[in-house]
Amino acid sequence: MNDAQGFLTAEELANPPAHILREEAAIEPDPAPTIATKETQIIAIYGKGGIGKSFTLANLSYMMAQQGKKVLLIGCDPKSDTTSLLFGGRACPTIIETSTKKKLAGDQVAIGDVCFKRDGVFAMELGGPEVGRGCGGRGIIHGFELLEKLGFHEWGFDYVLLDFLGDVVCGGFGLPIARDMCQKVIVVGSNDLQSLYVANNVCSAVEYFHKLGGNVGVGGLVINKDDGTGEAQAFAKAAGIPILASIPADDDIRRKSA
């Protein structure tokens, strides 16, 4: 470097002195800009048919929306009745049904064709085949494949709630657990043997896939129609899962949710 003028000569530019290189290497790089990203919490709800999953989810999603959260409720049951309580008993057009009609007409499915909003809650039904005409689990897989094409993970929801059948023997209905599509599983049960049998199957499925490297965990048990006999509490204690809520057996609640 030319000390008199304070800059490098042509020769020094071609072959920088070692001390110049060391000084440049010691300069800390500017920190990479970080962009705050919102992670969507995906929660799958399982339980015996008729145990009150849809009732629980309709109220939970409504409560979250009233607290300012952006919530998507997805019915993953071929009965397609998850969202009916939110819409006053009316059924939403299902993704499977809409996809079939659009395909026959040569059209593409758009978000507005399958996603609807009520009281701040976004809702949709995956649907399934007619009775005796196909595999319900395969319908679930097809529905999620279509959601992926629609950009499901880019919609910016705070919570996505999935309502599933408790029978995780079928791979389609066990999809969120097997493929790490959700972070947590919540089980809805009651003080009866059948619902606790299903709850135990769900917990066993989560444990099985966890041993294979899965990351899904059981968030806890919601006790519906709690008559105070304590069987569900005993199951939760034996299974090592927390009780998230206990909804009493009440005829007025039952009539309003029917």
Protein backbone atom coordinates (compact mmCIF):
# COMPACT_ATOMS: atom_id res chain seq x y z
CA MET A 1 0.00 0.00 0.00
CA ASN A 2 1.20 3.49 -0.78
CA ASP A 3 1.40 5.01 2.73
CA ALA A 4 1.50 8.54 1.40
CA GLN A 5 -1.72 8.26 -0.51
CA GLY A 6 -3.51 5.50 1.48
CA PHE A 7 -4.53 3.21 -1.41
CA LEU A 8 -3.22 0.03 -3.03
CA THR A 9 -0.90 0.13 -6.02
CA ALA A 10 -1.67 -1.89 -9.15
CA GLU A 11 0.84 -4.52 -8.05
CA GLU A 12 -0.73 -4.75 -4.58
CA LEU A 13 -4.20 -5.10 -6.09
CA ALA A 14 -3.00 -8.06 -8.15
CA ASN A 15 -1.24 -9.66 -5.15
CA PRO A 16 -2.67 -8.25 -1.88
CA PRO A 17 -0.30 -8.39 1.10
CA ALA A 18 -1.04 -11.04 3.70
CA HIS A 19 -1.92 -8.52 6.42
CA ILE A 20 -4.56 -6.95 4.14
CA LEU A 21 -6.20 -10.34 3.60
CA ARG A 22 -6.16 -11.06 7.35
CA GLU A 23 -7.79 -7.72 8.11
CA GLU A 24 -10.55 -8.35 5.57
CA ALA A 25 -11.14 -11.86 6.89
CA ALA A 26 -11.56 -10.49 10.42
CA ILE A 27 -14.44 -8.21 9.41
CA GLU A 28 -17.76 -9.64 10.71
CA PRO A 29 -20.30 -10.14 7.91
CA ASP A 30 -23.59 -8.30 8.12
CA PRO A 31 -26.26 -10.49 9.74
CA ALA A 32 -28.67 -12.09 7.28
CA PRO A 33 -32.08 -10.46 7.48
CA THR A 34 -34.62 -12.62 9.28
CA ILE A 35 -38.26 -12.72 8.32
CA ALA A 36 -40.71 -13.61 11.05
CA THR A 37 -42.78 -16.56 9.89
CA LYS A 38 -45.98 -17.75 11.47
CA GLU A 39 -46.11 -21.50 12.01
CA THR A 40 -49.55 -22.98 11.53
CA GLN A 41 -50.58 -25.31 14.32
CA ILE A 42 -52.29 -28.34 12.80
CA ILE A 43 -54.29 -30.41 15.27
CA ALA A 44 -56.09 -33.65 14.40
CA ILE A 45 -59.09 -34.73 16.47
CA TYR A 46 -59.95 -38.42 16.74
CA GLY A 47 -62.68 -40.32 18.53
CA LYS A 48 -65.44 -42.89 18.22
CA GLY A 49 -68.28 -42.05 15.87
CA GLY A 50 -70.98 -40.06 17.65
CA ILE A 51 -68.77 -39.17 20.61
CA GLY A 52 -68.98 -35.43 19.91
CA LYS A 53 -65.91 -34.55 17.85
CA SER A 54 -67.80 -32.24 15.52
CA PHE A 55 -69.56 -30.57 18.45
CA THR A 56 -66.24 -30.04 20.22
CA LEU A 57 -64.49 -28.70 17.12
CA ALA A 58 -67.30 -26.37 16.09
CA ASN A 59 -67.21 -24.72 19.51
CA LEU A 60 -63.41 -24.73 19.72
CA SER A 61 -62.98 -23.16 16.27
CA TYR A 62 -65.62 -20.52 17.03
CA MET A 63 -63.91 -19.63 20.32
CA MET A 64 -60.51 -19.32 18.61
CA ALA A 65 -61.96 -17.08 15.89
CA GLN A 66 -63.56 -14.84 18.52
CA GLN A 67 -60.11 -14.48 20.10
CA GLY A 68 -58.75 -13.12 16.82
CA LYS A 69 -57.15 -16.31 15.53
CA LYS A 70 -57.34 -17.32 11.89
CA VAL A 71 -58.83 -20.81 11.99
CA LEU A 72 -59.56 -23.43 9.34
CA LEU A 73 -61.82 -26.35 10.25
CA ILE A 74 -61.61 -29.36 7.92
CA GLY A 75 -64.04 -32.24 8.13
CA CYS A 76 -62.25 -35.47 7.24
CA ASP A 77 -65.21 -37.81 7.69
CA PRO A 78 -67.17 -39.28 4.75
CA LYS A 79 -70.38 -38.26 6.56
CA SER A 80 -69.35 -34.63 5.88
CA ASP A 81 -71.12 -33.32 8.98
CA THR A 82 -68.24 -31.63 10.78
CA THR A 83 -69.12 -28.09 9.75
CA SER A 84 -72.92 -28.37 9.78
CA LEU A 85 -73.24 -26.97 13.31
CA LEU A 86 -71.42 -23.80 12.23
CA PHE A 87 -73.71 -23.36 9.23
CA GLY A 88 -77.03 -23.92 10.98
CA GLY A 89 -77.38 -27.54 9.96
CA ARG A 90 -76.56 -26.98 6.30
CA ALA A 91 -73.94 -29.15 4.61
CA CYS A 92 -71.02 -27.57 2.75
CA PRO A 93 -70.19 -28.84 -0.75
CA THR A 94 -67.35 -31.32 -0.29
CA ILE A 95 -63.95 -31.19 -1.95
CA ILE A 96 -64.39 -34.67 -3.44
CA GLU A 97 -67.83 -33.87 -4.88
CA THR A 98 -66.79 -30.47 -6.20
CA SER A 99 -63.57 -31.83 -7.70
CA THR A 100 -65.50 -34.54 -9.56
CA LYS A 101 -68.03 -32.08 -10.98
CA LYS A 102 -65.35 -29.59 -12.02
CA LYS A 103 -63.28 -32.32 -13.67
CA LEU A 104 -66.26 -33.53 -15.70
CA ALA A 105 -66.90 -29.94 -16.81
CA GLY A 106 -63.25 -29.42 -17.72
CA ASP A 107 -62.75 -26.76 -15.04
CA GLN A 108 -60.25 -26.28 -12.22
CA VAL A 109 -61.20 -26.22 -8.56
CA ALA A 110 -60.75 -22.80 -6.91
CA ILE A 111 -60.51 -21.99 -3.21
CA GLY A 112 -63.90 -20.32 -3.21
CA ASP A 113 -65.51 -23.51 -4.49
CA VAL A 114 -64.62 -25.54 -1.41
CA CYS A 115 -63.80 -23.13 1.44
CA PHE A 116 -66.55 -21.22 3.26
CA LYS A 117 -66.62 -18.80 6.18
CA ARG A 118 -69.02 -18.35 9.09
CA ASP A 119 -68.54 -16.32 12.29
CA GLY A 120 -64.84 -15.88 11.52
CA VAL A 121 -64.20 -19.61 10.97
CA PHE A 122 -63.04 -20.90 7.59
CA ALA A 123 -64.46 -24.36 6.96
CA MET A 124 -64.43 -27.13 4.40
CA GLU A 125 -65.37 -30.79 4.06
CA LEU A 126 -63.17 -33.35 2.32
CA GLY A 127 -66.09 -35.72 1.84
CA GLY A 128 -65.90 -39.24 0.51
CA PRO A 129 -67.47 -41.79 -1.82
CA GLU A 130 -71.08 -42.88 -1.69
CA VAL A 131 -71.84 -45.92 0.44
CA GLY A 132 -70.48 -49.08 -1.16
CA ARG A 133 -68.84 -47.21 -4.04
CA GLY A 134 -65.29 -46.61 -2.94
CA CYS A 135 -62.72 -46.33 -0.17
CA GLY A 136 -63.30 -43.59 2.40
CA GLY A 137 -59.62 -43.52 3.33
CA ARG A 138 -58.60 -43.10 -0.29
CA GLY A 139 -61.03 -40.21 -0.51
CA ILE A 140 -59.23 -38.53 2.39
CA ILE A 141 -55.87 -38.97 0.64
CA HIS A 142 -57.26 -37.53 -2.60
CA GLY A 143 -58.71 -34.59 -0.69
CA PHE A 144 -55.38 -33.70 0.89
CA GLU A 145 -53.60 -34.05 -2.45
CA LEU A 146 -55.99 -31.47 -3.85
CA LEU A 147 -55.44 -29.20 -0.85
CA GLU A 148 -51.70 -29.35 -1.52
CA LYS A 149 -52.29 -28.22 -5.11
CA LEU A 150 -54.40 -25.32 -3.83
CA GLY A 151 -51.52 -24.17 -1.60
CA PHE A 152 -52.86 -25.46 1.70
CA HIS A 153 -49.68 -24.64 3.64
CA GLU A 154 -49.47 -21.07 2.33
CA TRP A 155 -52.82 -19.80 3.54
CA GLY A 156 -51.43 -18.31 6.76
CA PHE A 157 -53.79 -19.87 9.31
CA ASP A 158 -52.97 -19.82 13.00
CA TYR A 159 -54.75 -23.13 13.53
CA VAL A 160 -55.99 -25.90 11.26
CA LEU A 161 -58.32 -28.36 12.97
CA LEU A 162 -58.88 -31.77 11.38
CA ASP A 163 -61.90 -33.89 12.33
CA PHE A 164 -61.18 -37.60 11.79
CA LEU A 165 -62.84 -40.91 12.42
CA GLY A 166 -61.36 -42.82 15.31
CA ASP A 167 -60.77 -45.95 13.27
CA VAL A 168 -57.11 -45.44 12.42
CA VAL A 169 -56.82 -49.02 11.20
CA CYS A 170 -57.35 -47.51 7.73
CA GLY A 171 -54.22 -45.77 6.47
CA GLY A 172 -56.23 -42.94 4.94
CA PHE A 173 -57.75 -41.91 8.24
CA GLY A 174 -54.38 -42.30 9.96
CA LEU A 175 -52.70 -40.03 7.40
CA PRO A 176 -51.94 -37.07 9.73
CA ILE A 177 -50.23 -39.39 12.22
CA ALA A 178 -48.33 -41.48 9.68
CA ARG A 179 -47.05 -38.55 7.61
CA ASP A 180 -46.47 -35.96 10.33
CA MET A 181 -49.19 -33.75 8.85
CA CYS A 182 -50.11 -32.42 12.28
CA GLN A 183 -48.23 -31.49 15.42
CA LYS A 184 -50.72 -32.82 17.94
CA VAL A 185 -53.57 -35.30 18.21
CA ILE A 186 -56.47 -34.68 20.56
CA VAL A 187 -58.76 -37.57 21.48
CA VAL A 188 -62.43 -37.13 22.36
CA GLY A 189 -63.81 -39.85 24.61
CA SER A 190 -66.35 -40.60 27.29
CA ASN A 191 -66.90 -42.93 30.22
CA ASP A 192 -67.78 -45.92 28.07
CA LEU A 193 -65.71 -48.86 26.93
CA GLN A 194 -66.11 -48.34 23.18
CA SER A 195 -64.93 -44.72 23.14
CA LEU A 196 -61.97 -45.54 25.39
CA TYR A 197 -61.10 -48.53 23.19
CA VAL A 198 -60.90 -46.17 20.19
CA ALA A 199 -58.94 -43.63 22.24
CA ASN A 200 -56.44 -46.33 23.18
CA ASN A 201 -56.08 -47.34 19.51
CA VAL A 202 -55.33 -43.74 18.57
CA CYS A 203 -52.70 -43.42 21.31
CA SER A 204 -51.16 -46.73 20.18
CA ALA A 205 -50.98 -45.49 16.58
CA VAL A 206 -49.24 -42.29 17.68
CA GLU A 207 -46.76 -44.27 19.77
CA TYR A 208 -46.08 -46.69 16.88
CA PHE A 209 -45.24 -43.96 14.38
CA HIS A 210 -43.26 -42.05 17.02
CA LYS A 211 -41.00 -45.11 17.36
CA LEU A 212 -40.51 -44.99 13.59
CA GLY A 213 -39.28 -41.42 13.82
CA GLY A 214 -42.56 -39.51 13.72
CA ASN A 215 -43.02 -36.23 15.55
CA VAL A 216 -46.76 -36.27 16.29
CA GLY A 217 -47.75 -36.36 19.95
CA VAL A 218 -50.99 -36.80 21.87
CA GLY A 219 -52.07 -33.41 23.19
CA GLY A 220 -54.62 -34.85 25.56
CA LEU A 221 -58.15 -36.13 26.10
CA VAL A 222 -61.43 -34.21 25.94
CA ILE A 223 -64.09 -35.98 27.99
CA ASN A 224 -67.52 -35.47 26.49
CA LYS A 225 -70.82 -36.47 28.11
CA ASP A 226 -69.01 -36.84 31.42
CA ASP A 227 -71.33 -38.55 33.89
CA GLY A 228 -68.80 -38.44 36.70
CA THR A 229 -68.10 -42.17 36.87
CA GLY A 230 -64.37 -41.60 36.31
CA GLU A 231 -63.51 -44.23 33.67
CA ALA A 232 -62.12 -41.66 31.24
CA GLN A 233 -60.01 -40.03 33.96
CA ALA A 234 -58.60 -43.43 34.88
CA PHE A 235 -57.77 -44.14 31.23
CA ALA A 236 -56.01 -40.79 30.81
CA LYS A 237 -53.93 -41.45 33.92
CA ALA A 238 -52.97 -44.94 32.73
CA ALA A 239 -52.12 -43.66 29.24
CA GLY A 240 -50.11 -40.75 30.62
CA ILE A 241 -52.04 -38.05 28.77
CA PRO A 242 -53.59 -34.88 30.22
CA ILE A 243 -57.31 -34.15 30.39
CA LEU A 244 -57.88 -30.96 28.41
CA ALA A 245 -61.56 -30.46 29.18
CA SER A 246 -64.55 -32.23 30.66
CA ILE A 247 -67.98 -31.52 29.18
CA PRO A 248 -70.80 -32.71 31.46
CA ALA A 249 -73.60 -34.96 30.27
CA ASP A 250 -76.39 -32.43 29.76
CA ASP A 251 -79.62 -32.95 27.82
CA ASP A 252 -79.82 -29.27 26.87
CA ILE A 253 -76.33 -29.37 25.33
CA ARG A 254 -77.19 -32.61 23.54
CA ARG A 255 -80.34 -31.13 21.99
CA LYS A 256 -78.55 -27.98 20.83
CA SER A 257 -75.77 -29.97 19.18
CA ALA A 258 -78.07 -32.48 17.46
